[in-house]
Amino acid sequence: MKRIPNRAMLPPPEPIVIKLDPKQLRGGIVLPKVKYQVLATVETEEVFNGMVIPMPKVLIYFLNKNELMVVSTIMEEANENGDCALSVKELAIKMKLSIPTVSDSLYSLRHIGLLLETPNGKRGGGRIRQLNYKAIQHFNDLVENEDPGIYARIRTATRKINILNLTKDDVKSAYDTHVLEPGHDSAEEEEYD
């Protein structure tokens, strides 16, 4: 057997010193105490793998079908290209809608304050479109913890159509006997014959 050279040898282990205090020799007996707790664990399972567009929940309840399609198409284009430079005709072809329907939806979104546009710098009326996320955030903050049935009523309950001009009072004025405020006792609204 070959001898290990000194430079390759491990140093001897240092001695372990245990100091005992004679006053601390008294001790107790420790037994394990078992506690049962219910812990919820979340495991993710991929149930869909494909094209997904993240959409603010307030828009789903607030917009009508055609406006929602226009907004989702603008979001999709912005995710792919950075902005949406599609013409009204191209939007209509992509969504399988008529040009007047798309124009009306764009007008409505502009009027509400959800759509920002700028000229695209080319000849003609081409525009670069993007969503006004500041207005979407403001609207989300206003209707947070409110009944989702109120979202569509806000459009008809107030003359202030621009979302950035809406206040909490405007949201409260949209409630009636059919859509009640959160925490409101429905028994108070019952009508007796």
N, C-alpha and C. Protein backbone atom coordinates (compact mmCIF):
# COMPACT_ATOMS: atom_id res chain seq x y z
N MET A 1 0.84 -1.16 0.00
CA MET A 1 0.00 0.00 0.00
C MET A 1 0.89 1.23 0.00
N LYS A 2 0.55 2.16 -0.90
CA LYS A 2 1.35 3.37 -1.01
C LYS A 2 1.02 4.34 0.10
N ARG A 3 2.01 5.02 0.48
CA ARG A 3 1.86 6.03 1.52
C ARG A 3 1.36 7.33 0.89
N ILE A 4 0.37 8.05 1.56
CA ILE A 4 -0.18 9.30 1.05
C ILE A 4 0.80 10.41 1.39
N PRO A 5 1.16 11.22 0.40
CA PRO A 5 2.08 12.34 0.68
C PRO A 5 1.46 13.31 1.69
N ASN A 6 2.28 13.97 2.45
CA ASN A 6 1.82 14.88 3.50
C ASN A 6 0.95 16.01 2.96
N ARG A 7 1.29 16.51 1.77
CA ARG A 7 0.53 17.65 1.23
C ARG A 7 -0.89 17.25 0.81
N ALA A 8 -1.14 15.93 0.62
CA ALA A 8 -2.46 15.46 0.21
C ALA A 8 -3.28 14.93 1.37
N MET A 9 -2.72 14.92 2.56
CA MET A 9 -3.43 14.36 3.71
C MET A 9 -4.39 15.39 4.30
N LEU A 10 -5.53 14.91 4.74
CA LEU A 10 -6.49 15.77 5.44
C LEU A 10 -5.94 16.07 6.83
N PRO A 11 -6.17 17.26 7.32
CA PRO A 11 -5.71 17.55 8.67
C PRO A 11 -6.55 16.75 9.67
N PRO A 12 -5.97 16.40 10.79
CA PRO A 12 -6.74 15.63 11.79
C PRO A 12 -7.90 16.47 12.30
N PRO A 13 -9.03 15.84 12.59
CA PRO A 13 -10.19 16.60 13.06
C PRO A 13 -9.89 17.26 14.40
N GLU A 14 -10.46 18.45 14.57
CA GLU A 14 -10.25 19.17 15.82
C GLU A 14 -11.10 18.52 16.90
N PRO A 15 -10.60 18.47 18.11
CA PRO A 15 -11.38 17.84 19.18
C PRO A 15 -12.64 18.64 19.48
N ILE A 16 -13.70 17.94 19.77
CA ILE A 16 -14.97 18.57 20.13
C ILE A 16 -15.01 18.69 21.64
N VAL A 17 -15.22 19.92 22.11
CA VAL A 17 -15.24 20.19 23.54
C VAL A 17 -16.67 20.48 23.95
N ILE A 18 -17.17 19.71 24.91
CA ILE A 18 -18.52 19.92 25.43
C ILE A 18 -18.37 20.39 26.87
N LYS A 19 -18.90 21.57 27.13
CA LYS A 19 -18.82 22.12 28.47
C LYS A 19 -20.13 21.85 29.18
N LEU A 20 -20.06 21.31 30.36
CA LEU A 20 -21.25 21.01 31.15
C LEU A 20 -21.27 21.92 32.36
N ASP A 21 -22.41 22.50 32.58
CA ASP A 21 -22.61 23.32 33.75
C ASP A 21 -23.31 22.45 34.78
N PRO A 22 -22.68 22.21 35.94
CA PRO A 22 -23.30 21.31 36.92
C PRO A 22 -24.67 21.80 37.40
N LYS A 23 -24.91 23.11 37.33
CA LYS A 23 -26.19 23.63 37.77
C LYS A 23 -27.30 23.29 36.76
N GLN A 24 -26.91 23.05 35.52
CA GLN A 24 -27.88 22.78 34.47
C GLN A 24 -28.10 21.29 34.23
N LEU A 25 -27.65 20.44 35.11
CA LEU A 25 -27.81 19.02 34.91
C LEU A 25 -29.25 18.57 35.12
N ARG A 26 -30.02 19.41 35.79
CA ARG A 26 -31.43 19.08 35.92
C ARG A 26 -32.12 19.38 34.60
N GLY A 27 -32.94 18.54 34.17
CA GLY A 27 -33.63 18.74 32.89
C GLY A 27 -34.99 18.11 32.93
N GLY A 28 -35.73 18.32 31.89
CA GLY A 28 -37.06 17.74 31.82
C GLY A 28 -37.09 16.68 30.73
N ILE A 29 -38.21 16.00 30.69
CA ILE A 29 -38.41 14.99 29.66
C ILE A 29 -39.27 15.64 28.57
N VAL A 30 -38.82 15.52 27.35
CA VAL A 30 -39.51 16.13 26.23
C VAL A 30 -40.12 15.05 25.37
N LEU A 31 -41.42 15.15 25.13
CA LEU A 31 -42.11 14.22 24.25
C LEU A 31 -42.63 15.01 23.05
N PRO A 32 -42.69 14.39 21.93
CA PRO A 32 -43.22 15.11 20.76
C PRO A 32 -44.72 15.33 20.89
N LYS A 33 -45.17 16.50 20.53
CA LYS A 33 -46.59 16.84 20.55
C LYS A 33 -47.04 16.89 19.10
N VAL A 34 -48.03 16.13 18.77
CA VAL A 34 -48.49 16.03 17.38
C VAL A 34 -49.63 17.01 17.18
N LYS A 35 -49.51 17.86 16.14
CA LYS A 35 -50.57 18.77 15.74
C LYS A 35 -50.98 18.41 14.33
N TYR A 36 -52.24 18.38 14.12
CA TYR A 36 -52.75 18.10 12.78
C TYR A 36 -53.27 19.40 12.18
N GLN A 37 -52.83 19.71 10.98
CA GLN A 37 -53.27 20.90 10.27
C GLN A 37 -53.66 20.49 8.85
N VAL A 38 -54.68 21.14 8.37
CA VAL A 38 -55.08 20.91 6.99
C VAL A 38 -54.39 21.97 6.13
N LEU A 39 -53.56 21.53 5.25
CA LEU A 39 -52.86 22.45 4.36
C LEU A 39 -53.34 22.21 2.94
N ALA A 40 -53.74 23.27 2.31
CA ALA A 40 -54.16 23.16 0.92
C ALA A 40 -52.94 23.35 0.03
N THR A 41 -52.74 22.45 -0.86
CA THR A 41 -51.65 22.58 -1.81
C THR A 41 -52.24 22.73 -3.20
N VAL A 42 -51.60 23.55 -4.00
CA VAL A 42 -52.07 23.80 -5.35
C VAL A 42 -51.08 23.21 -6.33
N GLU A 43 -51.58 22.38 -7.16
CA GLU A 43 -50.77 21.82 -8.23
C GLU A 43 -51.35 22.32 -9.54
N THR A 44 -50.50 22.78 -10.41
CA THR A 44 -51.00 23.29 -11.68
C THR A 44 -51.02 22.19 -12.72
N GLU A 45 -52.03 22.24 -13.52
CA GLU A 45 -52.16 21.29 -14.62
C GLU A 45 -52.49 22.10 -15.86
N GLU A 46 -51.73 21.92 -16.89
CA GLU A 46 -51.98 22.66 -18.12
C GLU A 46 -53.15 22.01 -18.84
N VAL A 47 -54.24 22.75 -18.97
CA VAL A 47 -55.44 22.21 -19.60
C VAL A 47 -55.65 22.77 -21.00
N PHE A 48 -54.92 23.82 -21.34
CA PHE A 48 -55.01 24.40 -22.67
C PHE A 48 -53.66 24.96 -23.05
N ASN A 49 -53.27 24.72 -24.28
CA ASN A 49 -52.01 25.26 -24.77
C ASN A 49 -52.29 25.84 -26.15
N GLY A 50 -52.36 27.16 -26.23
CA GLY A 50 -52.66 27.81 -27.49
C GLY A 50 -52.58 29.31 -27.33
N MET A 51 -53.19 30.02 -28.26
CA MET A 51 -53.15 31.48 -28.23
C MET A 51 -54.12 32.00 -27.17
N VAL A 52 -53.61 32.85 -26.28
CA VAL A 52 -54.39 33.41 -25.19
C VAL A 52 -54.19 34.92 -25.17
N ILE A 53 -55.27 35.65 -24.96
CA ILE A 53 -55.18 37.11 -24.83
C ILE A 53 -55.60 37.47 -23.41
N PRO A 54 -54.72 38.08 -22.61
CA PRO A 54 -55.14 38.51 -21.27
C PRO A 54 -56.07 39.71 -21.39
N MET A 55 -57.25 39.61 -20.79
CA MET A 55 -58.27 40.64 -20.92
C MET A 55 -58.71 41.11 -19.54
N PRO A 56 -58.69 42.43 -19.29
CA PRO A 56 -59.21 42.91 -18.00
C PRO A 56 -60.68 42.54 -17.84
N LYS A 57 -61.04 42.06 -16.67
CA LYS A 57 -62.39 41.56 -16.41
C LYS A 57 -63.44 42.65 -16.58
N VAL A 58 -63.11 43.89 -16.23
CA VAL A 58 -64.10 44.97 -16.32
C VAL A 58 -64.55 45.17 -17.76
N LEU A 59 -63.67 44.94 -18.72
CA LEU A 59 -64.04 45.13 -20.12
C LEU A 59 -65.02 44.06 -20.59
N ILE A 60 -64.88 42.86 -20.06
CA ILE A 60 -65.76 41.77 -20.47
C ILE A 60 -67.21 42.09 -20.10
N TYR A 61 -67.43 42.67 -18.93
CA TYR A 61 -68.78 43.00 -18.49
C TYR A 61 -69.27 44.34 -19.03
N PHE A 62 -68.36 45.26 -19.33
CA PHE A 62 -68.73 46.63 -19.70
C PHE A 62 -69.03 46.79 -21.19
N LEU A 63 -68.26 46.13 -22.04
CA LEU A 63 -68.38 46.33 -23.49
C LEU A 63 -69.42 45.39 -24.10
N ASN A 64 -69.97 45.82 -25.25
CA ASN A 64 -70.86 44.91 -25.97
C ASN A 64 -70.01 43.97 -26.82
N LYS A 65 -70.66 43.04 -27.49
CA LYS A 65 -69.96 41.97 -28.22
C LYS A 65 -69.00 42.51 -29.27
N ASN A 66 -69.47 43.45 -30.10
CA ASN A 66 -68.62 43.97 -31.17
C ASN A 66 -67.45 44.78 -30.63
N GLU A 67 -67.70 45.60 -29.61
CA GLU A 67 -66.61 46.37 -28.99
C GLU A 67 -65.57 45.44 -28.38
N LEU A 68 -66.04 44.38 -27.77
CA LEU A 68 -65.14 43.41 -27.16
C LEU A 68 -64.27 42.73 -28.22
N MET A 69 -64.86 42.43 -29.37
CA MET A 69 -64.09 41.83 -30.46
C MET A 69 -63.03 42.80 -30.99
N VAL A 70 -63.40 44.08 -31.12
CA VAL A 70 -62.44 45.09 -31.59
C VAL A 70 -61.30 45.24 -30.59
N VAL A 71 -61.65 45.32 -29.29
CA VAL A 71 -60.61 45.47 -28.26
C VAL A 71 -59.68 44.27 -28.25
N SER A 72 -60.23 43.06 -28.35
CA SER A 72 -59.37 41.87 -28.32
C SER A 72 -58.49 41.80 -29.56
N THR A 73 -58.99 42.25 -30.72
CA THR A 73 -58.17 42.26 -31.93
C THR A 73 -57.05 43.28 -31.80
N ILE A 74 -57.34 44.46 -31.24
CA ILE A 74 -56.31 45.48 -31.02
C ILE A 74 -55.26 44.96 -30.05
N MET A 75 -55.70 44.29 -28.98
CA MET A 75 -54.75 43.73 -28.01
C MET A 75 -53.88 42.65 -28.66
N GLU A 76 -54.48 41.81 -29.48
CA GLU A 76 -53.74 40.76 -30.15
C GLU A 76 -52.68 41.34 -31.09
N GLU A 77 -53.07 42.35 -31.87
CA GLU A 77 -52.12 43.01 -32.77
C GLU A 77 -51.00 43.70 -31.99
N ALA A 78 -51.36 44.35 -30.89
CA ALA A 78 -50.36 45.03 -30.06
C ALA A 78 -49.39 44.04 -29.45
N ASN A 79 -49.88 42.84 -29.06
CA ASN A 79 -48.99 41.82 -28.50
C ASN A 79 -48.03 41.29 -29.55
N GLU A 80 -48.48 41.18 -30.79
CA GLU A 80 -47.63 40.64 -31.85
C GLU A 80 -46.69 41.69 -32.44
N ASN A 81 -47.21 42.93 -32.66
CA ASN A 81 -46.43 43.94 -33.40
C ASN A 81 -46.07 45.18 -32.59
N GLY A 82 -46.49 45.27 -31.37
CA GLY A 82 -46.19 46.44 -30.57
C GLY A 82 -47.30 47.48 -30.60
N ASP A 83 -48.03 47.56 -31.69
CA ASP A 83 -49.19 48.44 -31.81
C ASP A 83 -50.10 47.89 -32.88
N CYS A 84 -51.28 48.47 -33.02
CA CYS A 84 -52.26 48.01 -34.01
C CYS A 84 -52.35 49.06 -35.11
N ALA A 85 -51.86 48.72 -36.29
CA ALA A 85 -51.90 49.63 -37.43
C ALA A 85 -52.87 49.14 -38.50
N LEU A 86 -53.79 48.25 -38.14
CA LEU A 86 -54.76 47.74 -39.10
C LEU A 86 -55.77 48.82 -39.46
N SER A 87 -56.15 48.86 -40.72
CA SER A 87 -57.19 49.79 -41.14
C SER A 87 -58.55 49.24 -40.71
N VAL A 88 -59.58 50.07 -40.86
CA VAL A 88 -60.93 49.64 -40.49
C VAL A 88 -61.33 48.44 -41.36
N LYS A 89 -60.99 48.50 -42.63
CA LYS A 89 -61.32 47.41 -43.55
C LYS A 89 -60.60 46.12 -43.14
N GLU A 90 -59.32 46.22 -42.77
CA GLU A 90 -58.56 45.04 -42.34
C GLU A 90 -59.13 44.47 -41.04
N LEU A 91 -59.52 45.36 -40.12
CA LEU A 91 -60.16 44.90 -38.87
C LEU A 91 -61.46 44.16 -39.19
N ALA A 92 -62.25 44.72 -40.10
CA ALA A 92 -63.53 44.11 -40.45
C ALA A 92 -63.33 42.73 -41.07
N ILE A 93 -62.34 42.59 -41.94
CA ILE A 93 -62.06 41.29 -42.57
C ILE A 93 -61.59 40.29 -41.53
N LYS A 94 -60.72 40.73 -40.64
CA LYS A 94 -60.17 39.83 -39.62
C LYS A 94 -61.25 39.33 -38.66
N MET A 95 -62.22 40.20 -38.33
CA MET A 95 -63.25 39.83 -37.35
C MET A 95 -64.52 39.31 -38.00
N LYS A 96 -64.56 39.30 -39.34
CA LYS A 96 -65.75 38.85 -40.08
C LYS A 96 -66.97 39.70 -39.72
N LEU A 97 -66.76 41.01 -39.65
CA LEU A 97 -67.83 41.97 -39.40
C LEU A 97 -67.89 42.96 -40.56
N SER A 98 -68.97 43.71 -40.64
CA SER A 98 -69.07 44.73 -41.68
C SER A 98 -68.25 45.96 -41.29
N ILE A 99 -67.86 46.73 -42.30
CA ILE A 99 -67.06 47.93 -42.04
C ILE A 99 -67.84 48.94 -41.19
N PRO A 100 -69.14 49.19 -41.45
CA PRO A 100 -69.87 50.12 -40.57
C PRO A 100 -69.94 49.65 -39.11
N THR A 101 -70.06 48.35 -38.90
CA THR A 101 -70.11 47.83 -37.53
C THR A 101 -68.80 48.10 -36.81
N VAL A 102 -67.68 47.86 -37.51
CA VAL A 102 -66.36 48.11 -36.90
C VAL A 102 -66.17 49.60 -36.66
N SER A 103 -66.60 50.43 -37.61
CA SER A 103 -66.48 51.89 -37.45
C SER A 103 -67.29 52.37 -36.25
N ASP A 104 -68.52 51.85 -36.10
CA ASP A 104 -69.34 52.23 -34.94
C ASP A 104 -68.68 51.82 -33.63
N SER A 105 -68.11 50.62 -33.60
CA SER A 105 -67.44 50.15 -32.38
C SER A 105 -66.22 51.00 -32.06
N LEU A 106 -65.44 51.35 -33.08
CA LEU A 106 -64.27 52.21 -32.86
C LEU A 106 -64.70 53.59 -32.35
N TYR A 107 -65.77 54.13 -32.94
CA TYR A 107 -66.28 55.43 -32.49
C TYR A 107 -66.71 55.36 -31.03
N SER A 108 -67.44 54.31 -30.69
CA SER A 108 -67.91 54.14 -29.31
C SER A 108 -66.74 54.01 -28.34
N LEU A 109 -65.73 53.22 -28.69
CA LEU A 109 -64.55 53.05 -27.82
C LEU A 109 -63.80 54.37 -27.66
N ARG A 110 -63.72 55.16 -28.75
CA ARG A 110 -63.08 56.47 -28.68
C ARG A 110 -63.86 57.39 -27.75
N HIS A 111 -65.17 57.39 -27.91
CA HIS A 111 -66.05 58.27 -27.13
C HIS A 111 -66.02 57.91 -25.64
N ILE A 112 -65.98 56.64 -25.32
CA ILE A 112 -65.90 56.18 -23.94
C ILE A 112 -64.55 56.53 -23.32
N GLY A 113 -63.51 56.60 -24.13
CA GLY A 113 -62.18 56.92 -23.64
C GLY A 113 -61.28 55.71 -23.50
N LEU A 114 -61.68 54.58 -24.10
CA LEU A 114 -60.86 53.37 -24.00
C LEU A 114 -59.86 53.21 -25.13
N LEU A 115 -59.98 54.00 -26.19
CA LEU A 115 -59.14 53.84 -27.37
C LEU A 115 -58.35 55.11 -27.63
N LEU A 116 -57.05 54.95 -27.81
CA LEU A 116 -56.17 56.06 -28.18
C LEU A 116 -55.71 55.83 -29.61
N GLU A 117 -55.71 56.89 -30.43
CA GLU A 117 -55.30 56.76 -31.82
C GLU A 117 -54.34 57.88 -32.18
N THR A 118 -53.48 57.60 -33.15
CA THR A 118 -52.57 58.59 -33.69
C THR A 118 -52.42 58.30 -35.19
N PRO A 119 -52.23 59.32 -36.01
CA PRO A 119 -52.03 59.05 -37.45
C PRO A 119 -50.80 58.19 -37.67
N ASN A 120 -50.86 57.34 -38.70
CA ASN A 120 -49.73 56.44 -38.93
C ASN A 120 -48.62 57.07 -39.76
N GLY A 121 -48.78 58.32 -40.20
CA GLY A 121 -47.73 59.01 -40.94
C GLY A 121 -47.75 58.74 -42.43
N LYS A 122 -48.66 57.93 -42.91
CA LYS A 122 -48.78 57.65 -44.34
C LYS A 122 -49.96 58.42 -44.90
N ARG A 123 -50.04 58.47 -46.22
CA ARG A 123 -51.17 59.13 -46.86
C ARG A 123 -52.45 58.38 -46.57
N GLY A 124 -53.51 59.11 -46.46
CA GLY A 124 -54.79 58.48 -46.16
C GLY A 124 -55.14 58.64 -44.70
N GLY A 125 -56.16 57.92 -44.30
CA GLY A 125 -56.64 58.06 -42.92
C GLY A 125 -56.19 56.95 -42.01
N GLY A 126 -55.06 56.31 -42.30
CA GLY A 126 -54.57 55.22 -41.47
C GLY A 126 -54.23 55.68 -40.07
N ARG A 127 -54.50 54.83 -39.10
CA ARG A 127 -54.24 55.18 -37.70
C ARG A 127 -53.53 54.05 -36.98
N ILE A 128 -52.78 54.44 -35.98
CA ILE A 128 -52.18 53.48 -35.06
C ILE A 128 -53.02 53.53 -33.79
N ARG A 129 -53.53 52.37 -33.39
CA ARG A 129 -54.45 52.30 -32.25
C ARG A 129 -53.83 51.55 -31.08
N GLN A 130 -54.17 52.01 -29.89
CA GLN A 130 -53.81 51.27 -28.68
C GLN A 130 -54.85 51.56 -27.63
N LEU A 131 -54.94 50.67 -26.65
CA LEU A 131 -55.92 50.84 -25.58
C LEU A 131 -55.43 51.84 -24.56
N ASN A 132 -56.36 52.56 -23.96
CA ASN A 132 -56.05 53.53 -22.92
C ASN A 132 -56.07 52.79 -21.58
N TYR A 133 -54.93 52.24 -21.20
CA TYR A 133 -54.87 51.44 -19.98
C TYR A 133 -55.05 52.29 -18.72
N LYS A 134 -54.78 53.58 -18.82
CA LYS A 134 -55.01 54.47 -17.67
C LYS A 134 -56.52 54.53 -17.38
N ALA A 135 -57.34 54.64 -18.42
CA ALA A 135 -58.79 54.67 -18.25
C ALA A 135 -59.32 53.32 -17.76
N ILE A 136 -58.76 52.24 -18.30
CA ILE A 136 -59.18 50.90 -17.88
C ILE A 136 -58.87 50.70 -16.39
N GLN A 137 -57.70 51.14 -15.95
CA GLN A 137 -57.32 51.02 -14.54
C GLN A 137 -58.24 51.87 -13.66
N HIS A 138 -58.56 53.09 -14.12
CA HIS A 138 -59.45 53.97 -13.36
C HIS A 138 -60.82 53.31 -13.20
N PHE A 139 -61.34 52.75 -14.29
CA PHE A 139 -62.65 52.09 -14.25
C PHE A 139 -62.61 50.86 -13.34
N ASN A 140 -61.53 50.10 -13.43
CA ASN A 140 -61.37 48.92 -12.58
C ASN A 140 -61.37 49.32 -11.10
N ASP A 141 -60.67 50.39 -10.76
CA ASP A 141 -60.61 50.85 -9.38
C ASP A 141 -61.99 51.33 -8.89
N LEU A 142 -62.77 51.95 -9.80
CA LEU A 142 -64.10 52.44 -9.42
C LEU A 142 -65.06 51.30 -9.10
N VAL A 143 -65.03 50.25 -9.92
CA VAL A 143 -66.03 49.19 -9.77
C VAL A 143 -65.53 47.99 -9.00
N GLU A 144 -64.36 48.11 -8.39
CA GLU A 144 -63.85 47.00 -7.60
C GLU A 144 -64.79 46.73 -6.43
N ASN A 145 -65.09 45.47 -6.18
CA ASN A 145 -66.00 45.00 -5.14
C ASN A 145 -67.46 45.42 -5.38
N GLU A 146 -67.79 45.81 -6.60
CA GLU A 146 -69.17 46.12 -6.95
C GLU A 146 -69.78 44.92 -7.65
N ASP A 147 -71.09 44.90 -7.74
CA ASP A 147 -71.81 43.84 -8.43
C ASP A 147 -71.50 43.91 -9.94
N PRO A 148 -71.10 42.80 -10.58
CA PRO A 148 -70.80 42.83 -12.02
C PRO A 148 -71.99 43.26 -12.88
N GLY A 149 -73.21 43.14 -12.39
CA GLY A 149 -74.37 43.57 -13.14
C GLY A 149 -74.43 45.07 -13.33
N ILE A 150 -73.64 45.80 -12.57
CA ILE A 150 -73.66 47.26 -12.64
C ILE A 150 -72.81 47.80 -13.78
N TYR A 151 -71.86 47.03 -14.27
CA TYR A 151 -70.91 47.53 -15.27
C TYR A 151 -71.61 48.07 -16.51
N ALA A 152 -72.50 47.28 -17.08
CA ALA A 152 -73.19 47.71 -18.30
C ALA A 152 -74.18 48.83 -18.01
N ARG A 153 -74.74 48.88 -16.80
CA ARG A 153 -75.71 49.92 -16.45
C ARG A 153 -75.06 51.29 -16.31
N ILE A 154 -73.76 51.30 -16.02
CA ILE A 154 -73.07 52.58 -15.84
C ILE A 154 -73.13 53.40 -17.13
N ARG A 155 -73.10 52.73 -18.27
CA ARG A 155 -73.14 53.43 -19.55
C ARG A 155 -74.46 54.17 -19.73
N THR A 156 -75.55 53.60 -19.25
CA THR A 156 -76.85 54.24 -19.43
C THR A 156 -77.23 55.12 -18.25
N ALA A 157 -76.64 54.91 -17.09
CA ALA A 157 -77.03 55.65 -15.89
C ALA A 157 -76.35 57.01 -15.77
N THR A 158 -75.38 57.27 -16.59
CA THR A 158 -74.65 58.52 -16.46
C THR A 158 -74.51 59.19 -17.82
N ARG A 159 -74.49 60.50 -17.81
CA ARG A 159 -74.25 61.24 -19.05
C ARG A 159 -72.76 61.40 -19.30
N LYS A 160 -71.97 61.21 -18.25
CA LYS A 160 -70.51 61.31 -18.39
C LYS A 160 -70.02 59.99 -18.98
N ILE A 161 -69.94 59.92 -20.28
CA ILE A 161 -69.57 58.67 -20.92
C ILE A 161 -68.06 58.42 -20.80
N ASN A 162 -67.25 59.46 -20.81
CA ASN A 162 -65.80 59.26 -20.72
C ASN A 162 -65.46 58.65 -19.36
N ILE A 163 -64.80 57.52 -19.39
CA ILE A 163 -64.51 56.76 -18.17
C ILE A 163 -63.67 57.55 -17.18
N LEU A 164 -62.76 58.36 -17.66
CA LEU A 164 -61.89 59.12 -16.76
C LEU A 164 -62.67 60.16 -15.96
N ASN A 165 -63.90 60.51 -16.41
CA ASN A 165 -64.73 61.48 -15.68
C ASN A 165 -65.69 60.82 -14.71
N LEU A 166 -65.75 59.49 -14.68
CA LEU A 166 -66.67 58.80 -13.78
C LEU A 166 -66.20 58.92 -12.33
N THR A 167 -67.18 58.98 -11.43
CA THR A 167 -66.88 59.03 -10.00
C THR A 167 -67.60 57.89 -9.30
N LYS A 168 -67.32 57.72 -8.04
CA LYS A 168 -67.97 56.68 -7.24
C LYS A 168 -69.47 56.96 -7.13
N ASP A 169 -69.86 58.23 -7.14
CA ASP A 169 -71.28 58.58 -7.07
C ASP A 169 -72.01 58.12 -8.33
N ASP A 170 -71.35 58.22 -9.49
CA ASP A 170 -71.95 57.73 -10.73
C ASP A 170 -72.18 56.23 -10.67
N VAL A 171 -71.24 55.52 -10.06
CA VAL A 171 -71.38 54.06 -9.92
C VAL A 171 -72.56 53.76 -9.00
N LYS A 172 -72.67 54.48 -7.89
CA LYS A 172 -73.77 54.26 -6.94
C LYS A 172 -75.12 54.57 -7.57
N SER A 173 -75.18 55.56 -8.47
CA SER A 173 -76.46 55.94 -9.08
C SER A 173 -76.96 54.90 -10.07
N ALA A 174 -76.13 53.96 -10.47
CA ALA A 174 -76.55 52.94 -11.42
C ALA A 174 -77.30 51.79 -10.75
N TYR A 175 -77.26 51.72 -9.43
CA TYR A 175 -77.99 50.67 -8.72
C TYR A 175 -79.47 51.00 -8.68
N ASP A 176 -80.30 49.97 -8.73
CA ASP A 176 -81.74 50.13 -8.58
C ASP A 176 -82.29 48.90 -7.89
N THR A 177 -83.59 48.65 -8.00
CA THR A 177 -84.20 47.52 -7.30
C THR A 177 -83.85 46.17 -7.93
N HIS A 178 -83.36 46.18 -9.17
CA HIS A 178 -83.01 44.92 -9.83
C HIS A 178 -81.56 44.52 -9.56
N VAL A 179 -80.67 45.51 -9.53
CA VAL A 179 -79.27 45.25 -9.19
C VAL A 179 -78.99 46.02 -7.90
N LEU A 180 -78.76 45.26 -6.84
CA LEU A 180 -78.58 45.86 -5.51
C LEU A 180 -77.11 46.00 -5.17
N GLU A 181 -76.81 46.99 -4.34
CA GLU A 181 -75.43 47.21 -3.91
C GLU A 181 -74.93 46.02 -3.11
N PRO A 182 -73.62 45.74 -3.15
CA PRO A 182 -73.09 44.64 -2.33
C PRO A 182 -73.35 44.92 -0.85
N GLY A 183 -73.77 43.89 -0.13
CA GLY A 183 -74.05 44.03 1.30
C GLY A 183 -75.44 44.57 1.58
N HIS A 184 -76.23 44.83 0.51
CA HIS A 184 -77.58 45.34 0.69
C HIS A 184 -78.52 44.17 0.95
N ASP A 185 -79.42 44.34 1.90
CA ASP A 185 -80.35 43.28 2.24
C ASP A 185 -81.49 43.26 1.23
N SER A 186 -81.62 42.17 0.49
CA SER A 186 -82.64 42.09 -0.55
C SER A 186 -84.04 42.01 0.06
N ALA A 187 -84.17 41.62 1.31
CA ALA A 187 -85.49 41.54 1.95
C ALA A 187 -86.11 42.93 2.10
N GLU A 188 -85.27 43.97 2.19
CA GLU A 188 -85.78 45.34 2.31
C GLU A 188 -86.49 45.79 1.04
N GLU A 189 -86.10 45.22 -0.11
CA GLU A 189 -86.63 45.66 -1.38
C GLU A 189 -87.85 44.87 -1.83
N GLU A 190 -88.26 43.87 -1.05
CA GLU A 190 -89.40 43.07 -1.44
C GLU A 190 -90.67 43.90 -1.43
N GLU A 191 -91.50 43.67 -2.44
CA GLU A 191 -92.77 44.38 -2.51
C GLU A 191 -93.87 43.42 -2.13
N TYR A 192 -94.79 43.90 -1.32
CA TYR A 192 -95.88 43.08 -0.84
C TYR A 192 -97.19 43.55 -1.47
N ASP A 193 -98.07 42.60 -1.73
CA ASP A 193 -99.39 42.95 -2.30
C ASP A 193 -100.38 43.21 -1.20
